[in-house]
Amino acid sequence: MKGFEATAVPDADVLDVAKAIVKVVDMPFGTRPLRVHIDPADDGAEIVNGVADRVRKELLHKMGLSDLLKPSQAK
């Protein structure tokens, strides 16, 4: 765990998470991102998750489930 502790950013501001939530909630319908990254350590998680998201999107396309990638209006 000491190695993991060394990756922590001592002056990271927890309010960054709250600010990101408010920003996403304030976005208009259909424009909210599927994932938001708050990574003060800049450890590469955003890049890894971006690759995983692209693979997931391609899989859904191949399965004929592309409609799951966008919100739909309630009727």
Protein backbone atom coordinates (compact mmCIF):
# COMPACT_ATOMS: atom_id res chain seq x y z
CA MET A 1 0.00 0.00 0.00
CA LYS A 2 2.94 2.37 0.47
CA GLY A 3 3.52 2.46 -3.27
CA PHE A 4 -0.12 3.31 -3.84
CA GLU A 5 0.01 6.00 -1.16
CA ALA A 6 2.91 7.60 -3.04
CA THR A 7 0.59 8.28 -5.98
CA ALA A 8 -1.81 10.39 -3.90
CA VAL A 9 -1.74 14.12 -4.54
CA PRO A 10 -1.49 15.75 -1.09
CA ASP A 11 -3.13 19.01 -2.13
CA ALA A 12 -5.93 17.50 -4.24
CA ASP A 13 -9.15 19.41 -3.75
CA VAL A 14 -12.18 17.19 -3.04
CA LEU A 15 -14.39 20.05 -4.21
CA ASP A 16 -13.27 19.26 -7.77
CA VAL A 17 -15.61 16.24 -7.68
CA ALA A 18 -18.57 18.32 -6.51
CA LYS A 19 -17.86 20.98 -9.15
CA ALA A 20 -17.75 18.31 -11.87
CA ILE A 21 -21.08 16.86 -10.69
CA VAL A 22 -22.73 20.30 -10.79
CA LYS A 23 -21.34 20.93 -14.27
CA VAL A 24 -22.72 17.61 -15.59
CA VAL A 25 -26.13 18.07 -13.95
CA ASP A 26 -26.40 21.54 -15.49
CA MET A 27 -25.83 20.19 -19.03
CA PRO A 28 -28.85 19.93 -21.34
CA PHE A 29 -30.51 16.58 -21.99
CA GLY A 30 -28.54 14.44 -24.39
CA THR A 31 -25.24 16.25 -23.90
CA ARG A 32 -24.04 14.70 -20.64
CA PRO A 33 -20.92 12.58 -21.00
CA LEU A 34 -21.02 8.92 -20.01
CA ARG A 35 -17.91 9.38 -17.89
CA VAL A 36 -16.14 12.33 -16.25
CA HIS A 37 -12.55 12.14 -15.04
CA ILE A 38 -11.26 13.82 -11.92
CA ASP A 39 -7.65 12.71 -11.72
CA PRO A 40 -5.35 15.06 -9.79
CA ALA A 41 -2.57 12.44 -9.94
CA ASP A 42 -2.80 12.34 -13.75
CA ASP A 43 -1.99 8.64 -13.61
CA GLY A 44 -3.30 7.73 -17.05
CA ALA A 45 -6.73 6.47 -15.98
CA GLU A 46 -8.42 8.86 -18.41
CA ILE A 47 -6.54 7.33 -21.33
CA VAL A 48 -7.23 3.75 -20.22
CA ASN A 49 -10.93 4.47 -19.70
CA GLY A 50 -11.11 6.19 -23.09
CA VAL A 51 -9.80 3.05 -24.79
CA ALA A 52 -12.24 0.86 -22.83
CA ASP A 53 -15.11 3.18 -23.81
CA ARG A 54 -14.20 2.92 -27.51
CA VAL A 55 -14.06 -0.88 -27.30
CA ARG A 56 -17.41 -0.98 -25.48
CA LYS A 57 -18.97 1.31 -28.10
CA GLU A 58 -17.74 -0.90 -30.95
CA LEU A 59 -19.05 -4.02 -29.21
CA LEU A 60 -22.48 -2.45 -28.77
CA HIS A 61 -22.51 -1.48 -32.46
CA LYS A 62 -21.64 -5.05 -33.49
CA MET A 63 -24.39 -6.42 -31.24
CA GLY A 64 -26.96 -4.06 -32.74
CA LEU A 65 -27.36 -2.20 -29.47
CA SER A 66 -26.08 1.23 -30.51
CA ASP A 67 -29.26 2.81 -29.18
CA LEU A 68 -27.92 2.22 -25.66
CA LEU A 69 -25.21 4.80 -26.29
CA LYS A 70 -27.64 7.73 -26.37
CA PRO A 71 -30.41 8.78 -24.03
CA SER A 72 -33.98 8.46 -25.24
CA GLN A 73 -36.90 10.72 -24.45
CA ALA A 74 -39.55 9.25 -22.17
CA LYS A 75 -42.89 8.88 -23.95
